[in-house]
C-alpha atoms as a PDB file:
ATOM      1  CA  MET A   1     -12.628   3.287 -33.696  1.00  0.00           C
ATOM      2  CA  GLU A   2     -11.499   0.963 -31.469  1.00  0.00           C
ATOM      3  CA  LYS A   3      -7.887   2.016 -32.062  1.00  0.00           C
ATOM      4  CA  LEU A   4      -8.490   5.796 -31.423  1.00  0.00           C
ATOM      5  CA  LEU A   5     -10.490   5.038 -28.500  1.00  0.00           C
ATOM      6  CA  PHE A   6      -7.487   3.118 -27.025  1.00  0.00           C
ATOM      7  CA  LYS A   7      -4.921   5.754 -28.160  1.00  0.00           C
ATOM      8  CA  VAL A   8      -6.803   8.467 -26.489  1.00  0.00           C
ATOM      9  CA  ALA A   9      -6.934   6.482 -23.192  1.00  0.00           C
ATOM     10  CA  LEU A  10      -3.361   5.603 -23.281  1.00  0.00           C
ATOM     11  CA  ALA A  11      -2.698   9.498 -23.903  1.00  0.00           C
ATOM     12  CA  ALA A  12      -5.095  10.057 -20.976  1.00  0.00           C
ATOM     13  CA  TYR A  13      -3.707   7.821 -18.811  1.00  0.00           C
ATOM     14  CA  PHE A  14      -0.110   9.112 -19.533  1.00  0.00           C
ATOM     15  CA  PHE A  15      -1.439  12.661 -18.349  1.00  0.00           C
ATOM     16  CA  SER A  16      -3.028  11.441 -15.578  1.00  0.00           C
ATOM     17  CA  ALA A  17       0.756   9.820 -13.942  1.00  0.00           C
ATOM     18  CA  VAL A  18       2.737  13.318 -14.933  1.00  0.00           C
ATOM     19  CA  GLY A  19      -0.057  14.944 -12.835  1.00  0.00           C
ATOM     20  CA  TYR A  20      -0.116  12.639  -9.857  1.00  0.00           C
ATOM     21  CA  ILE A  21       3.736  12.832  -9.876  1.00  0.00           C
ATOM     22  CA  THR A  22       3.881  16.794 -10.476  1.00  0.00           C
ATOM     23  CA  SER A  23       1.463  17.054  -7.539  1.00  0.00           C
ATOM     24  CA  ILE A  24       4.500  15.656  -5.323  1.00  0.00           C
ATOM     25  CA  LEU A  25       7.209  17.379  -6.813  1.00  0.00           C
ATOM     26  CA  VAL A  26       5.684  20.749  -6.200  1.00  0.00           C
ATOM     27  CA  LYS A  27       3.314  19.609  -3.260  1.00  0.00           C
ATOM     28  CA  ARG A  28      -0.207  20.758  -4.656  1.00  0.00           C
ATOM     29  CA  VAL A  29      -3.136  18.710  -4.064  1.00  0.00           C
ATOM     30  CA  PHE A  30      -4.929  20.700  -6.622  1.00  0.00           C
ATOM     31  CA  ILE A  31      -3.372  18.882  -9.503  1.00  0.00           C
ATOM     32  CA  ALA A  32      -3.810  15.499  -7.689  1.00  0.00           C
ATOM     33  CA  LYS A  33      -7.452  15.812  -7.681  1.00  0.00           C
ATOM     34  CA  THR A  34      -7.337  16.850 -11.095  1.00  0.00           C
ATOM     35  CA  SER A  35      -5.334  14.159 -12.092  1.00  0.00           C
ATOM     36  CA  THR A  36      -7.877  11.998 -10.490  1.00  0.00           C
ATOM     37  CA  TRP A  37     -10.556  13.125 -12.867  1.00  0.00           C
ATOM     38  CA  VAL A  38      -8.216  12.777 -15.697  1.00  0.00           C
ATOM     39  CA  LEU A  39      -7.555   9.416 -14.843  1.00  0.00           C
ATOM     40  CA  LEU A  40     -11.205   8.882 -14.392  1.00  0.00           C
ATOM     41  CA  THR A  41     -11.755   9.830 -18.032  1.00  0.00           C
ATOM     42  CA  ALA A  42      -9.018   7.604 -19.176  1.00  0.00           C
ATOM     43  CA  PHE A  43     -10.970   4.764 -17.526  1.00  0.00           C
ATOM     44  CA  ALA A  44     -13.905   5.656 -18.892  1.00  0.00           C
ATOM     45  CA  ILE A  45     -12.503   6.033 -22.356  1.00  0.00           C
ATOM     46  CA  HIS A  46     -10.634   2.867 -22.169  1.00  0.00           C
ATOM     47  CA  SER A  47     -14.198   0.761 -20.774  1.00  0.00           C
ATOM     48  CA  LEU A  48     -15.253   1.715 -24.621  1.00  0.00           C
ATOM     49  CA  SER A  49     -12.582   0.710 -26.072  1.00  0.00           C
ATOM     50  CA  ILE A  50     -13.056  -2.556 -24.569  1.00  0.00           C
ATOM     51  CA  ILE A  51     -16.222  -2.935 -25.329  1.00  0.00           C
ATOM     52  CA  VAL A  52     -15.789  -2.308 -29.265  1.00  0.00           C
ATOM     53  CA  ARG A  53     -13.214  -4.322 -29.087  1.00  0.00           C
ATOM     54  CA  TRP A  54     -15.502  -7.212 -27.479  1.00  0.00           C
ATOM     55  CA  VAL A  55     -18.367  -6.254 -29.805  1.00  0.00           C
ATOM     56  CA  GLY A  56     -16.249  -5.944 -32.321  1.00  0.00           C
ATOM     57  CA  THR A  57     -14.214  -9.259 -32.156  1.00  0.00           C
ATOM     58  CA  GLY A  58     -17.102 -11.227 -30.897  1.00  0.00           C
ATOM     59  CA  TYR A  59     -14.448 -12.202 -27.884  1.00  0.00           C
ATOM     60  CA  SER A  60     -13.992 -11.538 -24.651  1.00  0.00           C
ATOM     61  CA  PRO A  61     -11.512  -9.010 -24.289  1.00  0.00           C
ATOM     62  CA  VAL A  62      -8.410 -11.391 -23.103  1.00  0.00           C
ATOM     63  CA  THR A  63      -7.649 -13.571 -26.016  1.00  0.00           C
ATOM     64  CA  ASN A  64      -3.824 -13.222 -25.430  1.00  0.00           C
ATOM     65  CA  ILE A  65      -1.544 -11.445 -22.796  1.00  0.00           C
ATOM     66  CA  PHE A  66      -1.449  -8.090 -24.512  1.00  0.00           C
ATOM     67  CA  GLU A  67      -5.084  -7.698 -24.129  1.00  0.00           C
ATOM     68  CA  SER A  68      -4.651  -8.991 -20.272  1.00  0.00           C
ATOM     69  CA  LEU A  69      -2.043  -6.254 -19.792  1.00  0.00           C
ATOM     70  CA  SER A  70      -4.967  -3.769 -20.752  1.00  0.00           C
ATOM     71  CA  PHE A  71      -7.127  -5.389 -18.950  1.00  0.00           C
ATOM     72  CA  ILE A  72      -5.423  -5.140 -15.833  1.00  0.00           C
ATOM     73  CA  ALA A  73      -4.691  -1.948 -16.205  1.00  0.00           C
ATOM     74  CA  TRP A  74      -8.598  -1.185 -16.827  1.00  0.00           C
ATOM     75  CA  ALA A  75      -9.521  -2.767 -13.250  1.00  0.00           C
ATOM     76  CA  ILE A  76      -6.782  -1.161 -11.510  1.00  0.00           C
ATOM     77  CA  SER A  77      -7.410   2.300 -12.176  1.00  0.00           C
ATOM     78  CA  GLY A  78     -11.430   1.182 -11.876  1.00  0.00           C
ATOM     79  CA  SER A  79     -10.503  -0.199  -8.465  1.00  0.00           C
ATOM     80  CA  TYR A  80      -8.507   2.989  -7.720  1.00  0.00           C
ATOM     81  CA  VAL A  81     -10.999   5.877  -8.537  1.00  0.00           C
ATOM     82  CA  ALA A  82     -13.837   3.636  -6.949  1.00  0.00           C
ATOM     83  CA  PHE A  83     -11.723   3.680  -3.651  1.00  0.00           C
ATOM     84  CA  GLN A  84     -11.217   7.909  -3.881  1.00  0.00           C
ATOM     85  CA  LEU A  85     -15.137   7.794  -2.906  1.00  0.00           C
ATOM     86  CA  LYS A  86     -14.588   6.750  -0.021  1.00  0.00           C
ATOM     87  CA  THR A  87     -10.894   7.350   1.072  1.00  0.00           C
ATOM     88  CA  LYS A  88      -8.629  10.370   1.127  1.00  0.00           C
ATOM     89  CA  THR A  89      -5.648   8.666  -1.076  1.00  0.00           C
ATOM     90  CA  ARG A  90      -5.130  10.802  -4.129  1.00  0.00           C
ATOM     91  CA  VAL A  91      -1.120  10.591  -3.907  1.00  0.00           C
ATOM     92  CA  LEU A  92      -1.430   7.034  -4.612  1.00  0.00           C
ATOM     93  CA  GLY A  93      -2.461   7.811  -7.905  1.00  0.00           C
ATOM     94  CA  ALA A  94       1.311   8.434  -8.431  1.00  0.00           C
ATOM     95  CA  PHE A  95       1.647   4.449  -8.203  1.00  0.00           C
ATOM     96  CA  VAL A  96      -1.497   3.782  -9.661  1.00  0.00           C
ATOM     97  CA  SER A  97      -1.247   5.930 -12.930  1.00  0.00           C
ATOM     98  CA  PRO A  98       1.982   5.349 -14.266  1.00  0.00           C
ATOM     99  CA  LEU A  99       1.837   1.310 -13.561  1.00  0.00           C
ATOM    100  CA  ALA A 100      -1.852   1.497 -16.305  1.00  0.00           C
ATOM    101  CA  PHE A 101       0.284   3.912 -18.279  1.00  0.00           C
ATOM    102  CA  LEU A 102       2.985   0.783 -18.705  1.00  0.00           C
ATOM    103  CA  LEU A 103       0.868  -1.909 -18.779  1.00  0.00           C
ATOM    104  CA  MET A 104      -1.268   0.285 -21.861  1.00  0.00           C
ATOM    105  CA  MET A 105       1.794   0.822 -23.243  1.00  0.00           C
ATOM    106  CA  VAL A 106       3.343  -2.913 -23.292  1.00  0.00           C
ATOM    107  CA  ALA A 107      -0.221  -3.637 -24.366  1.00  0.00           C
ATOM    108  CA  SER A 108      -0.443  -1.320 -27.148  1.00  0.00           C
ATOM    109  CA  VAL A 109       3.005  -3.040 -28.969  1.00  0.00           C
ATOM    110  CA  LYS A 110       0.671  -6.305 -30.430  1.00  0.00           C
ATOM    111  CA  LEU A 111      -2.960  -5.535 -29.562  1.00  0.00           C
ATOM    112  CA  VAL A 112      -4.029  -5.397 -33.295  1.00  0.00           C
ATOM    113  CA  ASP A 113      -7.817  -6.001 -34.806  1.00  0.00           C
ATOM    114  CA  ASN A 114      -7.500  -9.061 -36.490  1.00  0.00           C
ATOM    115  CA  VAL A 115      -8.099 -11.760 -33.452  1.00  0.00           C
ATOM    116  CA  SER A 116      -8.037 -15.691 -33.693  1.00  0.00           C
ATOM    117  CA  MET A 117      -9.215 -16.943 -30.763  1.00  0.00           C
ATOM    118  CA  PRO A 118      -7.002 -20.419 -30.493  1.00  0.00           C
ATOM    119  CA  ALA A 119      -9.271 -23.410 -30.138  1.00  0.00           C
ATOM    120  CA  ILE A 120      -8.241 -24.344 -26.469  1.00  0.00           C
ATOM    121  CA  LEU A 121     -10.044 -21.017 -25.437  1.00  0.00           C
ATOM    122  CA  GLN A 122     -13.280 -21.269 -27.116  1.00  0.00           C
ATOM    123  CA  GLY A 123     -14.913 -22.592 -24.240  1.00  0.00           C
ATOM    124  CA  TYR A 124     -17.594 -20.870 -21.961  1.00  0.00           C
ATOM    125  CA  TRP A 125     -15.771 -21.220 -19.101  1.00  0.00           C
ATOM    126  CA  VAL A 126     -12.844 -19.549 -20.338  1.00  0.00           C
ATOM    127  CA  PRO A 127     -14.007 -15.865 -20.289  1.00  0.00           C
ATOM    128  CA  PHE A 128     -15.320 -16.430 -16.477  1.00  0.00           C
ATOM    129  CA  HIS A 129     -11.363 -18.466 -15.754  1.00  0.00           C
ATOM    130  CA  ILE A 130      -9.474 -15.326 -17.117  1.00  0.00           C
ATOM    131  CA  ILE A 131     -11.663 -12.334 -16.332  1.00  0.00           C
ATOM    132  CA  LEU A 132     -12.369 -13.439 -12.670  1.00  0.00           C
ATOM    133  CA  SER A 133      -8.439 -14.147 -12.345  1.00  0.00           C
ATOM    134  CA  LEU A 134      -7.159 -10.503 -13.887  1.00  0.00           C
ATOM    135  CA  VAL A 135      -9.262  -8.733 -11.779  1.00  0.00           C
ATOM    136  CA  GLY A 136      -8.720 -10.465  -8.487  1.00  0.00           C
ATOM    137  CA  GLU A 137      -4.886  -9.964  -9.694  1.00  0.00           C
ATOM    138  CA  ALA A 138      -5.714  -6.648 -10.101  1.00  0.00           C
ATOM    139  CA  LEU A 139      -7.442  -5.847  -6.780  1.00  0.00           C
ATOM    140  CA  PHE A 140      -4.176  -7.923  -5.141  1.00  0.00           C
ATOM    141  CA  ALA A 141      -2.128  -5.385  -7.365  1.00  0.00           C
ATOM    142  CA  LEU A 142      -3.854  -2.051  -6.028  1.00  0.00           C
ATOM    143  CA  ALA A 143      -3.069  -3.742  -2.459  1.00  0.00           C
ATOM    144  CA  CYS A 144       0.537  -4.188  -2.998  1.00  0.00           C
ATOM    145  CA  LEU A 145       0.694  -0.421  -3.968  1.00  0.00           C
ATOM    146  CA  ALA A 146      -1.248   0.708  -1.110  1.00  0.00           C
ATOM    147  CA  GLY A 147       0.927  -1.474   0.963  1.00  0.00           C
ATOM    148  CA  VAL A 148       3.854   0.090  -0.763  1.00  0.00           C
ATOM    149  CA  MET A 149       2.672   3.599   0.140  1.00  0.00           C
ATOM    150  CA  TYR A 150       1.893   2.360   3.529  1.00  0.00           C
ATOM    151  CA  LEU A 151       5.278   1.762   4.734  1.00  0.00           C
ATOM    152  CA  ILE A 152       6.784   4.644   2.892  1.00  0.00           C
ATOM    153  CA  GLN A 153       4.212   6.418   4.812  1.00  0.00           C
ATOM    154  CA  ASP A 154       5.296   5.042   8.150  1.00  0.00           C
ATOM    155  CA  ASN A 155       8.780   5.502   7.240  1.00  0.00           C
ATOM    156  CA  LEU A 156       8.614   8.993   6.844  1.00  0.00           C
ATOM    157  CA  ILE A 157       6.693   9.206  10.023  1.00  0.00           C
ATOM    158  CA  LYS A 158       8.850   7.614  12.382  1.00  0.00           C
ATOM    159  CA  LYS A 159      11.472   9.780  10.917  1.00  0.00           C
ATOM    160  CA  LYS A 160       9.556  12.810  11.686  1.00  0.00           C
ATOM    161  CA  LYS A 161       9.665  14.026   7.891  1.00  0.00           C
ATOM    162  CA  SER A 162       6.079  13.935   7.045  1.00  0.00           C
ATOM    163  CA  TYR A 163       5.443  17.476   7.960  1.00  0.00           C
ATOM    164  CA  ARG A 164       6.967  18.226   4.388  1.00  0.00           C
ATOM    165  CA  PHE A 165       3.787  16.458   2.460  1.00  0.00           C
ATOM    166  CA  THR A 166       1.072  17.008   5.108  1.00  0.00           C
ATOM    167  CA  ARG A 167      -1.219  17.979   2.706  1.00  0.00           C
ATOM    168  CA  LEU A 168      -0.622  15.516   0.591  1.00  0.00           C
ATOM    169  CA  LEU A 169       0.462  11.923   2.063  1.00  0.00           C
ATOM    170  CA  PRO A 170      -3.232   9.809   2.587  1.00  0.00           C
ATOM    171  CA  PRO A 171      -3.974   8.993   6.186  1.00  0.00           C
ATOM    172  CA  LEU A 172      -2.521   5.243   7.108  1.00  0.00           C
ATOM    173  CA  ARG A 173      -5.918   4.376   8.005  1.00  0.00           C
ATOM    174  CA  ASP A 174      -7.208   4.705   4.888  1.00  0.00           C
ATOM    175  CA  LEU A 175      -4.252   2.661   3.046  1.00  0.00           C
ATOM    176  CA  ASP A 176      -4.694   0.096   5.519  1.00  0.00           C
ATOM    177  CA  LYS A 177      -8.309   0.065   4.598  1.00  0.00           C
ATOM    178  CA  ILE A 178      -7.593   0.077   0.836  1.00  0.00           C
ATOM    179  CA  ASN A 179      -5.537  -3.115   1.399  1.00  0.00           C
ATOM    180  CA  HIS A 180      -7.807  -4.805   3.245  1.00  0.00           C
ATOM    181  CA  VAL A 181     -11.083  -4.630   1.062  1.00  0.00           C
ATOM    182  CA  SER A 182      -8.725  -4.852  -2.019  1.00  0.00           C
ATOM    183  CA  LEU A 183      -7.960  -8.314  -0.400  1.00  0.00           C
ATOM    184  CA  LEU A 184     -11.793  -8.828   0.604  1.00  0.00           C
ATOM    185  CA  TRP A 185     -12.846  -8.685  -2.845  1.00  0.00           C
ATOM    186  CA  GLY A 186      -9.642 -10.086  -4.810  1.00  0.00           C
ATOM    187  CA  PHE A 187      -9.595 -13.342  -2.688  1.00  0.00           C
ATOM    188  CA  PRO A 188     -13.051 -14.485  -3.835  1.00  0.00           C
ATOM    189  CA  LEU A 189     -13.044 -13.456  -7.364  1.00  0.00           C
ATOM    190  CA  MET A 190      -9.393 -15.213  -7.581  1.00  0.00           C
ATOM    191  CA  THR A 191     -11.077 -18.270  -6.455  1.00  0.00           C
ATOM    192  CA  LEU A 192     -13.827 -18.521  -8.639  1.00  0.00           C
ATOM    193  CA  GLY A 193     -11.561 -17.688 -11.107  1.00  0.00           C
ATOM    194  CA  VAL A 194      -9.601 -20.881 -10.127  1.00  0.00           C
ATOM    195  CA  ILE A 195     -12.589 -22.956  -9.863  1.00  0.00           C
ATOM    196  CA  ALA A 196     -13.834 -21.917 -13.148  1.00  0.00           C
ATOM    197  CA  GLY A 197     -10.294 -22.443 -14.467  1.00  0.00           C
ATOM    198  CA  SER A 198     -10.349 -26.706 -13.111  1.00  0.00           C
ATOM    199  CA  ILE A 199     -13.725 -26.599 -14.751  1.00  0.00           C
ATOM    200  CA  TRP A 200     -12.249 -25.585 -18.299  1.00  0.00           C
ATOM    201  CA  ALA A 201      -9.405 -27.574 -17.883  1.00  0.00           C
ATOM    202  CA  ARG A 202     -11.304 -31.071 -16.685  1.00  0.00           C
ATOM    203  CA  THR A 203     -13.261 -30.204 -20.099  1.00  0.00           C
ATOM    204  CA  VAL A 204     -10.119 -29.762 -22.288  1.00  0.00           C
ATOM    205  CA  TRP A 205      -7.904 -31.814 -20.527  1.00  0.00           C
ATOM    206  CA  GLY A 206      -9.805 -34.711 -18.973  1.00  0.00           C
ATOM    207  CA  SER A 207      -9.226 -33.581 -14.819  1.00  0.00           C
ATOM    208  CA  HIS A 208      -8.882 -31.010 -12.757  1.00  0.00           C
ATOM    209  CA  TRP A 209      -5.463 -30.959 -12.285  1.00  0.00           C
ATOM    210  CA  GLN A 210      -2.958 -31.521 -14.503  1.00  0.00           C
ATOM    211  CA  TRP A 211       0.299 -30.970 -11.794  1.00  0.00           C
ATOM    212  CA  ASP A 212       1.492 -28.103 -14.411  1.00  0.00           C
ATOM    213  CA  PRO A 213       3.712 -25.228 -12.734  1.00  0.00           C
ATOM    214  CA  LYS A 214       1.230 -22.555 -13.428  1.00  0.00           C
ATOM    215  CA  GLN A 215      -1.280 -24.785 -11.546  1.00  0.00           C
ATOM    216  CA  ILE A 216       0.916 -25.170  -8.640  1.00  0.00           C
ATOM    217  CA  TRP A 217       2.189 -21.384  -8.233  1.00  0.00           C
ATOM    218  CA  THR A 218      -1.257 -20.475  -8.769  1.00  0.00           C
ATOM    219  CA  MET A 219      -2.201 -22.356  -5.775  1.00  0.00           C
ATOM    220  CA  ILE A 220       0.938 -21.756  -3.931  1.00  0.00           C
ATOM    221  CA  SER A 221      -0.242 -17.784  -4.099  1.00  0.00           C
ATOM    222  CA  TRP A 222      -3.696 -18.843  -3.638  1.00  0.00           C
ATOM    223  CA  PHE A 223      -3.003 -19.911  -0.149  1.00  0.00           C
ATOM    224  CA  LEU A 224      -0.396 -17.071   0.641  1.00  0.00           C
ATOM    225  CA  TYR A 225      -3.252 -14.572   0.117  1.00  0.00           C
ATOM    226  CA  ALA A 226      -5.564 -17.083   1.668  1.00  0.00           C
ATOM    227  CA  PHE A 227      -3.204 -16.955   4.790  1.00  0.00           C
ATOM    228  CA  LEU A 228      -3.370 -13.028   4.883  1.00  0.00           C
ATOM    229  CA  LEU A 229      -7.018 -13.012   4.512  1.00  0.00           C
ATOM    230  CA  HIS A 230      -7.178 -15.269   7.546  1.00  0.00           C
ATOM    231  CA  GLN A 231      -5.016 -13.213   9.613  1.00  0.00           C
ATOM    232  CA  ARG A 232      -6.378 -10.026   8.699  1.00  0.00           C
ATOM    233  CA  LEU A 233      -9.927 -11.396  10.109  1.00  0.00           C
ATOM    234  CA  ALA A 234      -9.009 -13.893  12.687  1.00  0.00           C
ATOM    235  CA  ILE A 235      -6.009 -12.393  14.241  1.00  0.00           C
ATOM    236  CA  GLY A 236      -6.732  -8.729  13.419  1.00  0.00           C
ATOM    237  CA  TRP A 237      -3.273  -8.273  11.283  1.00  0.00           C
ATOM    238  CA  LYS A 238      -3.174  -4.609  10.082  1.00  0.00           C
ATOM    239  CA  GLY A 239      -1.011  -1.443   9.395  1.00  0.00           C
ATOM    240  CA  ARG A 240       2.594  -2.518   8.912  1.00  0.00           C
ATOM    241  CA  LYS A 241       2.584  -6.284   8.858  1.00  0.00           C
ATOM    242  CA  ALA A 242      -0.371  -6.883   6.972  1.00  0.00           C
ATOM    243  CA  ALA A 243       1.633  -4.317   4.169  1.00  0.00           C
ATOM    244  CA  VAL A 244       4.413  -6.007   4.289  1.00  0.00           C
ATOM    245  CA  PHE A 245       2.921  -9.394   3.531  1.00  0.00           C
ATOM    246  CA  SER A 246       1.010  -8.099   0.821  1.00  0.00           C
ATOM    247  CA  ILE A 247       3.898  -7.023  -1.177  1.00  0.00           C
ATOM    248  CA  LEU A 248       5.324 -10.707  -0.289  1.00  0.00           C
ATOM    249  CA  ALA A 249       2.422 -12.703  -1.630  1.00  0.00           C
ATOM    250  CA  PHE A 250       1.776 -10.080  -4.749  1.00  0.00           C
ATOM    251  CA  SER A 251       5.880 -10.377  -5.867  1.00  0.00           C
ATOM    252  CA  ILE A 252       4.853 -14.541  -6.072  1.00  0.00           C
ATOM    253  CA  LEU A 253       1.791 -14.089  -8.214  1.00  0.00           C
ATOM    254  CA  LEU A 254       3.697 -11.770 -10.278  1.00  0.00           C
ATOM    255  CA  PHE A 255       6.079 -14.427 -10.920  1.00  0.00           C
ATOM    256  CA  THR A 256       3.066 -16.937 -11.257  1.00  0.00           C
ATOM    257  CA  VAL A 257       1.826 -15.038 -13.791  1.00  0.00           C
ATOM    258  CA  ILE A 258       5.005 -13.617 -16.076  1.00  0.00           C
ATOM    259  CA  GLY A 259       8.041 -15.732 -14.498  1.00  0.00           C
ATOM    260  CA  VAL A 260       6.118 -19.507 -14.742  1.00  0.00           C
ATOM    261  CA  ASN A 261       6.071 -18.949 -18.421  1.00  0.00           C
ATOM    262  CA  ILE A 262       9.958 -18.113 -18.726  1.00  0.00           C
ATOM    263  CA  PHE A 263      11.678 -20.912 -16.227  1.00  0.00           C
ATOM    264  CA  PHE A 264       9.007 -23.786 -16.792  1.00  0.00           C
ATOM    265  CA  LEU A 265       7.313 -25.509 -19.619  1.00  0.00           C
ATOM    266  CA  SER A 266       3.633 -25.310 -19.077  1.00  0.00           C
ATOM    267  CA  VAL A 267       0.518 -26.087 -20.928  1.00  0.00           C
ATOM    268  CA  HIS A 268      -0.645 -22.560 -19.910  1.00  0.00           C
ATOM    269  CA  ASN A 269       1.856 -20.731 -22.672  1.00  0.00           C
ATOM    270  CA  PHE A 270      -1.305 -20.792 -25.329  1.00  0.00           C
ATOM    271  CA  MET A 271      -1.679 -16.771 -24.068  1.00  0.00           C
END
């Protein structure tokens, strides 16, 4: 059942991505609206797939990197669909849906029924650490995508080319709002994830901090997002400046999640 649900969700993500991209190519709002409903369907089926897997294995749905990628795709899609209730940013789905589909494709490579939980991951704090961190990262990814879309549209407006896509392009204020709200929610979730991880590290290794490359780069990412949040709330950063910094911060976070395990020896390679 879980495999079937996953495959159906994967197909729905694919058709949603095709629909969003088509809506831009043919300049039809209706196709984008339909694609939003397809994405919502994909999210709902994906949610059911995760629940079935969780109940069936008895473990949290993030026991390895492939499950984590699937979970991130789920979190990004759900967050974006939620934003549709308050903003008019359907065309942003042309960035979100393809990303979710690609993450699901990679996740499908080794997403199997037989799950063995490594001993190091069998702790009470582990699900809190991983799930909170992944949801926070998913929100930061959405903030980054909104930032990219903001820069594209801002550039079109400055070049007076936006008239071609007037009915499709989202308002800049809505894109900035998504960037801002994603940061407001993502940062505390990431912070709670880091705290849960430090408690777990204390239990496993006897210390909250080991000067591990993953820990160091995680703290660098945390300070970047803390700085961005401070600048937005205290200094009033918004628009283009906030969009550029969101992209920069997410690039560092992406290296933390993927690049560190490639270029450094880390105690976090068990994922």
